[in-house]
Amino acid sequence: MTRRRALNWYVMQQVKMRPLMSPRKQAGRVPRRSAQGFTEEERAAMRDRAQERKAPPRAGRADGERDVLARIAQMPEPYRAMGKRLHSVILASGPTLTPRTWYGMPAYSKDGDVVCYFRGGEKFKERYMTLGFNDAAKLDEGHLWPVAFALTGVTAAEEAAVSSLVKKAVG
């Protein structure tokens, strides 16, 4: 350690100051992460998942659908309206899918494995709603295929695309 750096460190320790960041570093700051390396939103999702795993087994499809509809109702607009439309399209396209929550998000599973899910942009402070598919979805097409889609609105065209994807995923 150079003499000047050692002196700066000593002065900061005496005054209990944090060193200032250079303007260059401040411009590229990422969301504050905890000591474990997760943002508050990520930690909240993990807490939701832990509660879902601790909950007693659900009696049937109606319980899962009630939980999903409750999560959709908690979403702010416009995600709430988009979530309602996605929910109805997914259930109509995949009648064998069972609604449930997964990491606090509305999700749809087949034989216990989550096939698809969606989340509003507010969950991780994104500017769009995300519709995602897990590895249980049979969307394989060659060596590269999309597994998540960004939605800023749900029109008839998006409904048709989602319906097609869900039918293929359940296949």
Protein backbone atom coordinates (compact mmCIF):
# COMPACT_ATOMS: atom_id res chain seq x y z
CA MET A 1 0.00 0.00 0.00
CA THR A 2 1.40 3.37 -0.92
CA ARG A 3 2.01 5.97 1.73
CA ARG A 4 -0.74 8.26 0.41
CA ARG A 5 -3.28 5.45 0.23
CA ALA A 6 -2.42 4.36 3.77
CA LEU A 7 -2.89 7.90 5.01
CA ASN A 8 -6.28 8.20 3.26
CA TRP A 9 -7.38 4.91 4.78
CA TYR A 10 -6.26 6.02 8.25
CA VAL A 11 -8.12 9.34 7.97
CA MET A 12 -11.30 7.63 6.78
CA GLN A 13 -11.15 5.19 9.68
CA GLN A 14 -10.75 8.01 12.17
CA VAL A 15 -13.66 9.98 10.72
CA LYS A 16 -15.74 6.85 9.98
CA MET A 17 -16.31 7.85 6.35
CA ARG A 18 -16.80 5.68 3.35
CA PRO A 19 -14.58 6.41 0.38
CA LEU A 20 -16.40 8.25 -2.37
CA MET A 21 -17.01 6.48 -5.64
CA SER A 22 -15.71 7.97 -8.79
CA PRO A 23 -18.42 9.44 -11.06
CA ARG A 24 -17.62 6.70 -13.56
CA LYS A 25 -18.48 3.95 -11.06
CA GLN A 26 -21.61 5.77 -9.83
CA ALA A 27 -23.03 5.92 -13.38
CA GLY A 28 -22.89 2.15 -13.77
CA ARG A 29 -24.32 1.17 -10.38
CA VAL A 30 -26.57 -1.86 -10.24
CA PRO A 31 -29.49 -2.33 -7.83
CA ARG A 32 -28.28 -2.68 -4.26
CA ARG A 33 -27.71 -6.28 -3.35
CA SER A 34 -27.57 -7.76 0.12
CA ALA A 35 -24.57 -9.58 1.52
CA GLN A 36 -25.92 -12.81 0.00
CA GLY A 37 -25.86 -11.30 -3.49
CA PHE A 38 -29.63 -11.11 -4.05
CA THR A 39 -31.82 -8.06 -4.55
CA GLU A 40 -34.79 -7.50 -2.23
CA GLU A 41 -37.14 -8.60 -5.04
CA GLU A 42 -35.23 -11.86 -5.50
CA ARG A 43 -35.27 -12.51 -1.76
CA ALA A 44 -39.04 -11.87 -1.68
CA ALA A 45 -39.53 -14.42 -4.48
CA MET A 46 -37.49 -16.97 -2.53
CA ARG A 47 -39.58 -16.32 0.59
CA ASP A 48 -42.75 -16.86 -1.50
CA ARG A 49 -41.36 -20.16 -2.78
CA ALA A 50 -40.49 -21.30 0.74
CA GLN A 51 -44.05 -20.56 1.90
CA GLU A 52 -45.46 -22.45 -1.10
CA ARG A 53 -43.36 -25.51 -0.24
CA LYS A 54 -44.36 -25.40 3.46
CA ALA A 55 -48.08 -25.06 2.69
CA PRO A 56 -50.19 -28.21 3.05
CA PRO A 57 -51.01 -30.03 -0.21
CA ARG A 58 -53.89 -28.51 -2.14
CA ALA A 59 -57.10 -30.44 -2.51
CA GLY A 60 -57.41 -29.83 -6.21
CA ARG A 61 -57.36 -27.59 -9.22
CA ALA A 62 -59.80 -25.08 -7.68
CA ASP A 63 -57.39 -24.25 -4.83
CA GLY A 64 -54.54 -23.60 -7.24
CA GLU A 65 -56.72 -21.47 -9.47
CA ARG A 66 -57.87 -19.44 -6.47
CA ASP A 67 -54.23 -18.76 -5.54
CA VAL A 68 -53.35 -17.77 -9.12
CA LEU A 69 -56.34 -15.42 -9.38
CA ALA A 70 -55.37 -13.85 -6.05
CA ARG A 71 -51.84 -13.20 -7.34
CA ILE A 72 -53.20 -11.70 -10.54
CA ALA A 73 -55.52 -9.45 -8.49
CA GLN A 74 -52.47 -8.13 -6.59
CA MET A 75 -50.78 -7.01 -9.82
CA PRO A 76 -50.99 -3.33 -10.71
CA GLU A 77 -52.58 -2.27 -13.99
CA PRO A 78 -51.90 -2.91 -16.88
CA TYR A 79 -50.37 -6.22 -15.75
CA ARG A 80 -53.58 -7.27 -14.00
CA ALA A 81 -55.65 -7.05 -17.19
CA MET A 82 -52.94 -8.80 -19.19
CA GLY A 83 -52.66 -11.51 -16.51
CA LYS A 84 -56.40 -12.21 -16.61
CA ARG A 85 -56.29 -12.62 -20.38
CA LEU A 86 -53.19 -14.83 -20.26
CA HIS A 87 -54.77 -16.98 -17.54
CA SER A 88 -57.87 -17.66 -19.62
CA VAL A 89 -55.85 -18.32 -22.81
CA ILE A 90 -53.46 -20.71 -21.05
CA LEU A 91 -56.28 -22.70 -19.43
CA ALA A 92 -58.24 -22.87 -22.68
CA SER A 93 -55.16 -23.98 -24.65
CA GLY A 94 -53.86 -26.44 -22.06
CA PRO A 95 -56.84 -28.04 -20.34
CA THR A 96 -54.54 -30.61 -18.69
CA LEU A 97 -52.50 -27.88 -16.97
CA THR A 98 -53.03 -27.23 -13.27
CA PRO A 99 -52.83 -23.61 -12.05
CA ARG A 100 -50.59 -22.93 -9.05
CA THR A 101 -48.19 -20.31 -7.75
CA TRP A 102 -44.45 -20.69 -8.24
CA TYR A 103 -42.04 -18.22 -6.60
CA GLY A 104 -45.09 -16.03 -6.06
CA MET A 105 -45.96 -15.99 -9.78
CA PRO A 106 -48.97 -17.49 -11.54
CA ALA A 107 -47.81 -20.79 -13.04
CA TYR A 108 -49.28 -23.84 -14.76
CA SER A 109 -48.01 -27.36 -14.22
CA LYS A 110 -48.45 -30.78 -15.71
CA ASP A 111 -47.75 -33.86 -13.59
CA GLY A 112 -46.22 -31.64 -10.89
CA ASP A 113 -43.70 -29.91 -13.20
CA VAL A 114 -44.17 -26.22 -14.02
CA VAL A 115 -44.62 -25.84 -17.77
CA CYS A 116 -45.21 -22.09 -18.01
CA TYR A 117 -45.56 -19.01 -15.84
CA PHE A 118 -45.94 -15.27 -16.13
CA ARG A 119 -45.06 -12.30 -14.00
CA GLY A 120 -45.82 -8.61 -14.10
CA GLY A 121 -43.05 -6.11 -14.65
CA GLU A 122 -43.33 -4.84 -11.08
CA LYS A 123 -42.00 -8.12 -9.65
CA PHE A 124 -38.39 -7.44 -10.69
CA LYS A 125 -38.81 -3.81 -11.79
CA GLU A 126 -38.91 -4.64 -15.49
CA ARG A 127 -40.65 -2.57 -18.12
CA TYR A 128 -42.69 -5.48 -19.49
CA MET A 129 -44.62 -8.59 -18.44
CA THR A 130 -42.77 -11.86 -18.91
CA LEU A 131 -44.27 -15.14 -20.14
CA GLY A 132 -41.83 -17.98 -19.58
CA PHE A 133 -41.59 -21.70 -20.24
CA ASN A 134 -39.60 -24.21 -18.19
CA ASP A 135 -37.78 -27.29 -19.40
CA ALA A 136 -40.95 -29.38 -18.96
CA ALA A 137 -42.38 -27.48 -21.95
CA LYS A 138 -41.85 -29.31 -25.22
CA LEU A 139 -40.81 -26.30 -27.28
CA ASP A 140 -37.56 -27.84 -28.54
CA GLU A 141 -36.83 -26.73 -32.07
CA GLY A 142 -33.35 -27.49 -33.38
CA HIS A 143 -30.48 -26.24 -31.24
CA LEU A 144 -31.99 -22.86 -30.27
CA TRP A 145 -35.50 -21.85 -29.21
CA PRO A 146 -36.98 -19.07 -27.06
CA VAL A 147 -38.23 -19.86 -23.57
CA ALA A 148 -39.30 -16.40 -22.38
CA PHE A 149 -41.28 -13.63 -24.04
CA ALA A 150 -41.76 -9.97 -23.16
CA LEU A 151 -45.32 -8.62 -23.34
CA THR A 152 -46.32 -4.98 -23.32
CA GLY A 153 -49.90 -5.72 -24.33
CA VAL A 154 -52.17 -8.65 -25.12
CA THR A 155 -54.14 -8.37 -28.34
CA ALA A 156 -55.79 -11.10 -30.43
CA ALA A 157 -52.46 -11.71 -32.20
CA GLU A 158 -50.63 -12.28 -28.90
CA GLU A 159 -53.45 -14.49 -27.63
CA ALA A 160 -53.13 -16.67 -30.74
CA ALA A 161 -49.34 -16.88 -30.34
CA VAL A 162 -49.61 -17.77 -26.64
CA SER A 163 -52.29 -20.36 -27.38
CA SER A 164 -50.08 -21.95 -30.04
CA LEU A 165 -47.05 -22.01 -27.70
CA VAL A 166 -49.02 -23.54 -24.82
CA LYS A 167 -50.49 -26.24 -27.07
CA LYS A 168 -47.01 -27.08 -28.33
CA ALA A 169 -45.53 -26.99 -24.81
CA VAL A 170 -48.11 -29.41 -23.45
CA GLY A 171 -47.88 -31.53 -26.62
